Amino acid sequence: MPIRNRDRFPDVDFLANAEIRAIGEVEGITLVLVGKEQGSDAPVVARAYTDNFTSEDLHAVPLYELMAHTFGSINILEKL
């Protein structure tokens, strides 16, 4: 699995590699959906630095945390 820190999120339903998809950009870098929190269904995302993000090592973070700690623009282009 390409998500390096998945053990830090026991309450997240992570997507299978084939289901991980680009949903937008954060500061010009591709943002991919990697899972959803159980109960709240809050999106868990990762920054992808290549087009082949299913083989890239990704670092998961809840979208609400990314939004709270990012000073640049975040563009969500897909329905979550």
PDB file of N, CA and C in Angstrom:
ATOM      1  N   MET A   1       0.844  -1.176   0.000  1.00  0.00           N
ATOM      2  CA  MET A   1       0.000   0.000   0.000  1.00  0.00           C
ATOM      3  C   MET A   1       0.885   1.234   0.000  1.00  0.00           C
ATOM      4  N   PRO A   2       0.548   2.229  -0.784  1.00  0.00           N
ATOM      5  CA  PRO A   2       1.412   3.393  -0.898  1.00  0.00           C
ATOM      6  C   PRO A   2       1.273   4.398   0.250  1.00  0.00           C
ATOM      7  N   ILE A   3       0.375   4.199   1.205  1.00  0.00           N
ATOM      8  CA  ILE A   3       0.167   5.176   2.266  1.00  0.00           C
ATOM      9  C   ILE A   3       1.081   4.837   3.437  1.00  0.00           C
ATOM     10  N   ARG A   4       2.103   5.654   3.631  1.00  0.00           N
ATOM     11  CA  ARG A   4       3.149   5.366   4.612  1.00  0.00           C
ATOM     12  C   ARG A   4       2.670   5.429   6.052  1.00  0.00           C
ATOM     13  N   ASN A   5       1.733   6.288   6.360  1.00  0.00           N
ATOM     14  CA  ASN A   5       1.324   6.494   7.744  1.00  0.00           C
ATOM     15  C   ASN A   5      -0.076   5.965   8.049  1.00  0.00           C
ATOM     16  N   ARG A   6      -0.518   4.963   7.342  1.00  0.00           N
ATOM     17  CA  ARG A   6      -1.877   4.451   7.527  1.00  0.00           C
ATOM     18  C   ARG A   6      -2.112   3.899   8.928  1.00  0.00           C
ATOM     19  N   ASP A   7      -1.070   3.444   9.613  1.00  0.00           N
ATOM     20  CA  ASP A   7      -1.237   2.912  10.969  1.00  0.00           C
ATOM     21  C   ASP A   7      -1.617   4.006  11.979  1.00  0.00           C
ATOM     22  N   ARG A   8      -1.419   5.263  11.635  1.00  0.00           N
ATOM     23  CA  ARG A   8      -1.800   6.378  12.509  1.00  0.00           C
ATOM     24  C   ARG A   8      -3.292   6.686  12.439  1.00  0.00           C
ATOM     25  N   PHE A   9      -4.002   6.053  11.514  1.00  0.00           N
ATOM     26  CA  PHE A   9      -5.423   6.333  11.307  1.00  0.00           C
ATOM     27  C   PHE A   9      -6.242   5.042  11.359  1.00  0.00           C
ATOM     28  N   PRO A  10      -6.411   4.449  12.542  1.00  0.00           N
ATOM     29  CA  PRO A  10      -7.154   3.191  12.633  1.00  0.00           C
ATOM     30  C   PRO A  10      -8.642   3.350  12.321  1.00  0.00           C
ATOM     31  N   ASP A  11      -9.167   4.574  12.389  1.00  0.00           N
ATOM     32  CA  ASP A  11     -10.587   4.813  12.139  1.00  0.00           C
ATOM     33  C   ASP A  11     -10.860   5.336  10.733  1.00  0.00           C
ATOM     34  N   VAL A  12      -9.970   5.024   9.801  1.00  0.00           N
ATOM     35  CA  VAL A  12     -10.144   5.448   8.414  1.00  0.00           C
ATOM     36  C   VAL A  12     -10.307   4.220   7.533  1.00  0.00           C
ATOM     37  N   ASP A  13     -11.296   4.280   6.654  1.00  0.00           N
ATOM     38  CA  ASP A  13     -11.452   3.252   5.626  1.00  0.00           C
ATOM     39  C   ASP A  13     -10.650   3.722   4.419  1.00  0.00           C
ATOM     40  N   PHE A  14      -9.474   3.133   4.233  1.00  0.00           N
ATOM     41  CA  PHE A  14      -8.621   3.516   3.113  1.00  0.00           C
ATOM     42  C   PHE A  14      -9.112   2.861   1.831  1.00  0.00           C
ATOM     43  N   LEU A  15      -8.983   3.577   0.734  1.00  0.00           N
ATOM     44  CA  LEU A  15      -9.371   3.071  -0.575  1.00  0.00           C
ATOM     45  C   LEU A  15      -8.331   2.081  -1.083  1.00  0.00           C
ATOM     46  N   ALA A  16      -8.779   1.161  -1.924  1.00  0.00           N
ATOM     47  CA  ALA A  16      -7.846   0.275  -2.614  1.00  0.00           C
ATOM     48  C   ALA A  16      -7.019   1.118  -3.579  1.00  0.00           C
ATOM     49  N   ASN A  17      -5.835   0.649  -3.920  1.00  0.00           N
ATOM     50  CA  ASN A  17      -4.956   1.409  -4.823  1.00  0.00           C
ATOM     51  C   ASN A  17      -5.680   1.866  -6.082  1.00  0.00           C
ATOM     52  N   ALA A  18      -6.471   0.986  -6.673  1.00  0.00           N
ATOM     53  CA  ALA A  18      -7.160   1.310  -7.924  1.00  0.00           C
ATOM     54  C   ALA A  18      -8.232   2.385  -7.736  1.00  0.00           C
ATOM     55  N   GLU A  19      -8.688   2.610  -6.498  1.00  0.00           N
ATOM     56  CA  GLU A  19      -9.736   3.595  -6.234  1.00  0.00           C
ATOM     57  C   GLU A  19      -9.193   4.965  -5.832  1.00  0.00           C
ATOM     58  N   ILE A  20      -7.899   5.060  -5.527  1.00  0.00           N
ATOM     59  CA  ILE A  20      -7.301   6.347  -5.188  1.00  0.00           C
ATOM     60  C   ILE A  20      -7.355   7.230  -6.428  1.00  0.00           C
ATOM     61  N   ARG A  21      -7.896   8.456  -6.251  1.00  0.00           N
ATOM     62  CA  ARG A  21      -8.072   9.316  -7.429  1.00  0.00           C
ATOM     63  C   ARG A  21      -7.769  10.772  -7.092  1.00  0.00           C
ATOM     64  N   ALA A  22      -7.380  11.488  -8.124  1.00  0.00           N
ATOM     65  CA  ALA A  22      -7.120  12.923  -7.979  1.00  0.00           C
ATOM     66  C   ALA A  22      -8.447  13.643  -7.779  1.00  0.00           C
ATOM     67  N   ILE A  23      -8.463  14.572  -6.815  1.00  0.00           N
ATOM     68  CA  ILE A  23      -9.689  15.337  -6.549  1.00  0.00           C
ATOM     69  C   ILE A  23      -9.464  16.839  -6.637  1.00  0.00           C
ATOM     70  N   GLY A  24      -8.213  17.260  -6.809  1.00  0.00           N
ATOM     71  CA  GLY A  24      -7.933  18.684  -6.890  1.00  0.00           C
ATOM     72  C   GLY A  24      -6.462  18.986  -6.746  1.00  0.00           C
ATOM     73  N   GLU A  25      -6.178  20.201  -6.279  1.00  0.00           N
ATOM     74  CA  GLU A  25      -4.791  20.650  -6.112  1.00  0.00           C
ATOM     75  C   GLU A  25      -4.653  21.435  -4.820  1.00  0.00           C
ATOM     76  N   VAL A  26      -3.481  21.337  -4.236  1.00  0.00           N
ATOM     77  CA  VAL A  26      -3.128  22.159  -3.088  1.00  0.00           C
ATOM     78  C   VAL A  26      -1.786  22.805  -3.398  1.00  0.00           C
ATOM     79  N   GLU A  27      -1.788  24.125  -3.479  1.00  0.00           N
ATOM     80  CA  GLU A  27      -0.588  24.887  -3.817  1.00  0.00           C
ATOM     81  C   GLU A  27       0.077  24.372  -5.098  1.00  0.00           C
ATOM     82  N   GLY A  28      -0.738  23.999  -6.089  1.00  0.00           N
ATOM     83  CA  GLY A  28      -0.232  23.536  -7.373  1.00  0.00           C
ATOM     84  C   GLY A  28       0.165  22.074  -7.426  1.00  0.00           C
ATOM     85  N   ILE A  29      -0.004  21.339  -6.329  1.00  0.00           N
ATOM     86  CA  ILE A  29       0.355  19.917  -6.267  1.00  0.00           C
ATOM     87  C   ILE A  29      -0.932  19.102  -6.260  1.00  0.00           C
ATOM     88  N   THR A  30      -0.936  17.984  -6.968  1.00  0.00           N
ATOM     89  CA  THR A  30      -2.121  17.143  -7.060  1.00  0.00           C
ATOM     90  C   THR A  30      -2.538  16.631  -5.691  1.00  0.00           C
ATOM     91  N   LEU A  31      -3.834  16.710  -5.420  1.00  0.00           N
ATOM     92  CA  LEU A  31      -4.416  16.221  -4.178  1.00  0.00           C
ATOM     93  C   LEU A  31      -5.243  14.988  -4.510  1.00  0.00           C
ATOM     94  N   VAL A  32      -4.987  13.883  -3.810  1.00  0.00           N
ATOM     95  CA  VAL A  32      -5.707  12.642  -4.084  1.00  0.00           C
ATOM     96  C   VAL A  32      -6.511  12.218  -2.862  1.00  0.00           C
ATOM     97  N   LEU A  33      -7.664  11.619  -3.122  1.00  0.00           N
ATOM     98  CA  LEU A  33      -8.492  11.047  -2.067  1.00  0.00           C
ATOM     99  C   LEU A  33      -7.968   9.651  -1.773  1.00  0.00           C
ATOM    100  N   VAL A  34      -7.642   9.383  -0.495  1.00  0.00           N
ATOM    101  CA  VAL A  34      -7.106   8.066  -0.128  1.00  0.00           C
ATOM    102  C   VAL A  34      -8.018   7.308   0.820  1.00  0.00           C
ATOM    103  N   GLY A  35      -9.036   7.976   1.378  1.00  0.00           N
ATOM    104  CA  GLY A  35      -9.942   7.290   2.288  1.00  0.00           C
ATOM    105  C   GLY A  35     -10.949   8.236   2.901  1.00  0.00           C
ATOM    106  N   LYS A  36     -11.761   7.674   3.807  1.00  0.00           N
ATOM    107  CA  LYS A  36     -12.764   8.457   4.539  1.00  0.00           C
ATOM    108  C   LYS A  36     -12.778   7.988   5.986  1.00  0.00           C
ATOM    109  N   GLU A  37     -12.963   8.943   6.889  1.00  0.00           N
ATOM    110  CA  GLU A  37     -13.048   8.611   8.305  1.00  0.00           C
ATOM    111  C   GLU A  37     -14.346   7.861   8.584  1.00  0.00           C
ATOM    112  N   GLN A  38     -14.252   6.825   9.409  1.00  0.00           N
ATOM    113  CA  GLN A  38     -15.438   6.076   9.803  1.00  0.00           C
ATOM    114  C   GLN A  38     -16.315   6.966  10.675  1.00  0.00           C
ATOM    115  N   GLY A  39     -17.604   6.882  10.488  1.00  0.00           N
ATOM    116  CA  GLY A  39     -18.540   7.674  11.290  1.00  0.00           C
ATOM    117  C   GLY A  39     -18.835   9.030  10.695  1.00  0.00           C
ATOM    118  N   SER A  40     -17.814   9.849  10.492  1.00  0.00           N
ATOM    119  CA  SER A  40     -18.038  11.202   9.968  1.00  0.00           C
ATOM    120  C   SER A  40     -17.979  11.257   8.447  1.00  0.00           C
ATOM    121  N   ASP A  41     -17.374  10.264   7.822  1.00  0.00           N
ATOM    122  CA  ASP A  41     -17.206  10.222   6.364  1.00  0.00           C
ATOM    123  C   ASP A  41     -16.347  11.378   5.855  1.00  0.00           C
ATOM    124  N   ALA A  42     -15.538  11.979   6.741  1.00  0.00           N
ATOM    125  CA  ALA A  42     -14.659  13.085   6.352  1.00  0.00           C
ATOM    126  C   ALA A  42     -13.552  12.567   5.436  1.00  0.00           C
ATOM    127  N   PRO A  43     -13.252  13.281   4.353  1.00  0.00           N
ATOM    128  CA  PRO A  43     -12.228  12.828   3.416  1.00  0.00           C
ATOM    129  C   PRO A  43     -10.828  12.852   4.025  1.00  0.00           C
ATOM    130  N   VAL A  44     -10.057  11.841   3.673  1.00  0.00           N
ATOM    131  CA  VAL A  44      -8.640  11.765   4.024  1.00  0.00           C
ATOM    132  C   VAL A  44      -7.886  11.826   2.704  1.00  0.00           C
ATOM    133  N   VAL A  45      -6.921  12.716   2.614  1.00  0.00           N
ATOM    134  CA  VAL A  45      -6.260  13.019   1.352  1.00  0.00           C
ATOM    135  C   VAL A  45      -4.746  12.896   1.480  1.00  0.00           C
ATOM    136  N   ALA A  46      -4.083  13.031   0.343  1.00  0.00           N
ATOM    137  CA  ALA A  46      -2.617  13.047   0.307  1.00  0.00           C
ATOM    138  C   ALA A  46      -2.183  13.888  -0.884  1.00  0.00           C
ATOM    139  N   ARG A  47      -0.995  14.465  -0.782  1.00  0.00           N
ATOM    140  CA  ARG A  47      -0.395  15.162  -1.921  1.00  0.00           C
ATOM    141  C   ARG A  47       0.332  14.135  -2.770  1.00  0.00           C
ATOM    142  N   ALA A  48       0.151  14.220  -4.085  1.00  0.00           N
ATOM    143  CA  ALA A  48       0.822  13.312  -5.014  1.00  0.00           C
ATOM    144  C   ALA A  48       1.747  14.135  -5.901  1.00  0.00           C
ATOM    145  N   TYR A  49       2.992  13.750  -5.939  1.00  0.00           N
ATOM    146  CA  TYR A  49       3.993  14.524  -6.677  1.00  0.00           C
ATOM    147  C   TYR A  49       4.257  13.973  -8.070  1.00  0.00           C
ATOM    148  N   THR A  50       3.654  12.819  -8.405  1.00  0.00           N
ATOM    149  CA  THR A  50       3.787  12.247  -9.741  1.00  0.00           C
ATOM    150  C   THR A  50       2.402  11.871 -10.253  1.00  0.00           C
ATOM    151  N   ASP A  51       2.311  11.564 -11.540  1.00  0.00           N
ATOM    152  CA  ASP A  51       1.044  11.105 -12.113  1.00  0.00           C
ATOM    153  C   ASP A  51       0.750   9.660 -11.739  1.00  0.00           C
ATOM    154  N   ASN A  52       1.765   8.931 -11.310  1.00  0.00           N
ATOM    155  CA  ASN A  52       1.608   7.523 -10.952  1.00  0.00           C
ATOM    156  C   ASN A  52       1.502   7.396  -9.432  1.00  0.00           C
ATOM    157  N   PHE A  53       0.472   8.029  -8.856  1.00  0.00           N
ATOM    158  CA  PHE A  53       0.384   8.093  -7.397  1.00  0.00           C
ATOM    159  C   PHE A  53       0.059   6.760  -6.744  1.00  0.00           C
ATOM    160  N   THR A  54      -0.422   5.762  -7.504  1.00  0.00           N
ATOM    161  CA  THR A  54      -0.692   4.458  -6.892  1.00  0.00           C
ATOM    162  C   THR A  54       0.588   3.717  -6.536  1.00  0.00           C
ATOM    163  N   SER A  55       1.720   4.122  -7.100  1.00  0.00           N
ATOM    164  CA  SER A  55       2.992   3.499  -6.723  1.00  0.00           C
ATOM    165  C   SER A  55       3.877   4.456  -5.923  1.00  0.00           C
ATOM    166  N   GLU A  56       3.378   5.649  -5.669  1.00  0.00           N
ATOM    167  CA  GLU A  56       4.115   6.660  -4.911  1.00  0.00           C
ATOM    168  C   GLU A  56       3.848   6.471  -3.412  1.00  0.00           C
ATOM    169  N   ASP A  57       4.835   6.760  -2.578  1.00  0.00           N
ATOM    170  CA  ASP A  57       4.624   6.759  -1.130  1.00  0.00           C
ATOM    171  C   ASP A  57       3.841   8.013  -0.759  1.00  0.00           C
ATOM    172  N   LEU A  58       2.633   7.830  -0.236  1.00  0.00           N
ATOM    173  CA  LEU A  58       1.763   8.945   0.106  1.00  0.00           C
ATOM    174  C   LEU A  58       1.685   9.120   1.618  1.00  0.00           C
ATOM    175  N   HIS A  59       1.450  10.343   2.044  1.00  0.00           N
ATOM    176  CA  HIS A  59       1.309  10.683   3.459  1.00  0.00           C
ATOM    177  C   HIS A  59      -0.118  11.182   3.666  1.00  0.00           C
ATOM    178  N   ALA A  60      -0.951  10.381   4.326  1.00  0.00           N
ATOM    179  CA  ALA A  60      -2.363  10.704   4.512  1.00  0.00           C
ATOM    180  C   ALA A  60      -2.557  11.775   5.577  1.00  0.00           C
ATOM    181  N   VAL A  61      -3.583  12.605   5.352  1.00  0.00           N
ATOM    182  CA  VAL A  61      -3.966  13.636   6.321  1.00  0.00           C
ATOM    183  C   VAL A  61      -5.458  13.931   6.111  1.00  0.00           C
ATOM    184  N   PRO A  62      -6.221  14.089   7.186  1.00  0.00           N
ATOM    185  CA  PRO A  62      -7.619  14.487   7.008  1.00  0.00           C
ATOM    186  C   PRO A  62      -7.691  15.839   6.288  1.00  0.00           C
ATOM    187  N   LEU A  63      -8.641  15.971   5.394  1.00  0.00           N
ATOM    188  CA  LEU A  63      -8.760  17.203   4.619  1.00  0.00           C
ATOM    189  C   LEU A  63      -8.936  18.418   5.524  1.00  0.00           C
ATOM    190  N   TYR A  64      -9.702  18.285   6.597  1.00  0.00           N
ATOM    191  CA  TYR A  64      -9.908  19.441   7.480  1.00  0.00           C
ATOM    192  C   TYR A  64      -8.601  19.886   8.136  1.00  0.00           C
ATOM    193  N   GLU A  65      -7.678  18.962   8.419  1.00  0.00           N
ATOM    194  CA  GLU A  65      -6.374  19.354   8.975  1.00  0.00           C
ATOM    195  C   GLU A  65      -5.521  20.048   7.916  1.00  0.00           C
ATOM    196  N   LEU A  66      -5.556  19.522   6.698  1.00  0.00           N
ATOM    197  CA  LEU A  66      -4.808  20.153   5.611  1.00  0.00           C
ATOM    198  C   LEU A  66      -5.294  21.583   5.403  1.00  0.00           C
ATOM    199  N   MET A  67      -6.605  21.775   5.430  1.00  0.00           N
ATOM    200  CA  MET A  67      -7.167  23.110   5.239  1.00  0.00           C
ATOM    201  C   MET A  67      -6.763  24.055   6.367  1.00  0.00           C
ATOM    202  N   ALA A  68      -6.660  23.539   7.572  1.00  0.00           N
ATOM    203  CA  ALA A  68      -6.308  24.376   8.720  1.00  0.00           C
ATOM    204  C   ALA A  68      -4.841  24.794   8.718  1.00  0.00           C
ATOM    205  N   HIS A  69      -3.985  24.006   8.072  1.00  0.00           N
ATOM    206  CA  HIS A  69      -2.544  24.260   8.150  1.00  0.00           C
ATOM    207  C   HIS A  69      -1.909  24.666   6.825  1.00  0.00           C
ATOM    208  N   THR A  70      -2.721  24.906   5.803  1.00  0.00           N
ATOM    209  CA  THR A  70      -2.204  25.310   4.502  1.00  0.00           C
ATOM    210  C   THR A  70      -2.552  26.772   4.264  1.00  0.00           C
ATOM    211  N   PHE A  71      -1.541  27.559   3.935  1.00  0.00           N
ATOM    212  CA  PHE A  71      -1.771  28.977   3.703  1.00  0.00           C
ATOM    213  C   PHE A  71      -2.018  29.286   2.232  1.00  0.00           C
ATOM    214  N   GLY A  72      -1.666  28.363   1.336  1.00  0.00           N
ATOM    215  CA  GLY A  72      -1.894  28.553  -0.089  1.00  0.00           C
ATOM    216  C   GLY A  72      -3.290  28.106  -0.477  1.00  0.00           C
ATOM    217  N   SER A  73      -3.542  28.121  -1.770  1.00  0.00           N
ATOM    218  CA  SER A  73      -4.870  27.765  -2.258  1.00  0.00           C
ATOM    219  C   SER A  73      -5.064  26.252  -2.316  1.00  0.00           C
ATOM    220  N   ILE A  74      -6.291  25.843  -2.015  1.00  0.00           N
ATOM    221  CA  ILE A  74      -6.713  24.449  -2.142  1.00  0.00           C
ATOM    222  C   ILE A  74      -7.906  24.453  -3.076  1.00  0.00           C
ATOM    223  N   ASN A  75      -7.798  23.738  -4.187  1.00  0.00           N
ATOM    224  CA  ASN A  75      -8.882  23.661  -5.163  1.00  0.00           C
ATOM    225  C   ASN A  75      -9.390  22.231  -5.224  1.00  0.00           C
ATOM    226  N   ILE A  76     -10.639  22.027  -4.800  1.00  0.00           N
ATOM    227  CA  ILE A  76     -11.275  20.716  -4.878  1.00  0.00           C
ATOM    228  C   ILE A  76     -12.112  20.719  -6.153  1.00  0.00           C
ATOM    229  N   LEU A  77     -11.803  19.811  -7.063  1.00  0.00           N
ATOM    230  CA  LEU A  77     -12.442  19.805  -8.375  1.00  0.00           C
ATOM    231  C   LEU A  77     -13.456  18.682  -8.542  1.00  0.00           C
ATOM    232  N   GLU A  78     -13.526  17.763  -7.567  1.00  0.00           N
ATOM    233  CA  GLU A  78     -14.448  16.634  -7.655  1.00  0.00           C
ATOM    234  C   GLU A  78     -15.337  16.586  -6.434  1.00  0.00           C
ATOM    235  N   LYS A  79     -16.530  16.045  -6.615  1.00  0.00           N
ATOM    236  CA  LYS A  79     -17.431  15.855  -5.491  1.00  0.00           C
ATOM    237  C   LYS A  79     -16.860  14.774  -4.585  1.00  0.00           C
ATOM    238  N   LEU A  80     -16.855  15.045  -3.296  1.00  0.00           N
ATOM    239  CA  LEU A  80     -16.338  14.089  -2.330  1.00  0.00           C
ATOM    240  C   LEU A  80     -17.487  13.326  -1.768  1.00  0.00           C
TER     241      LEU A  80
END
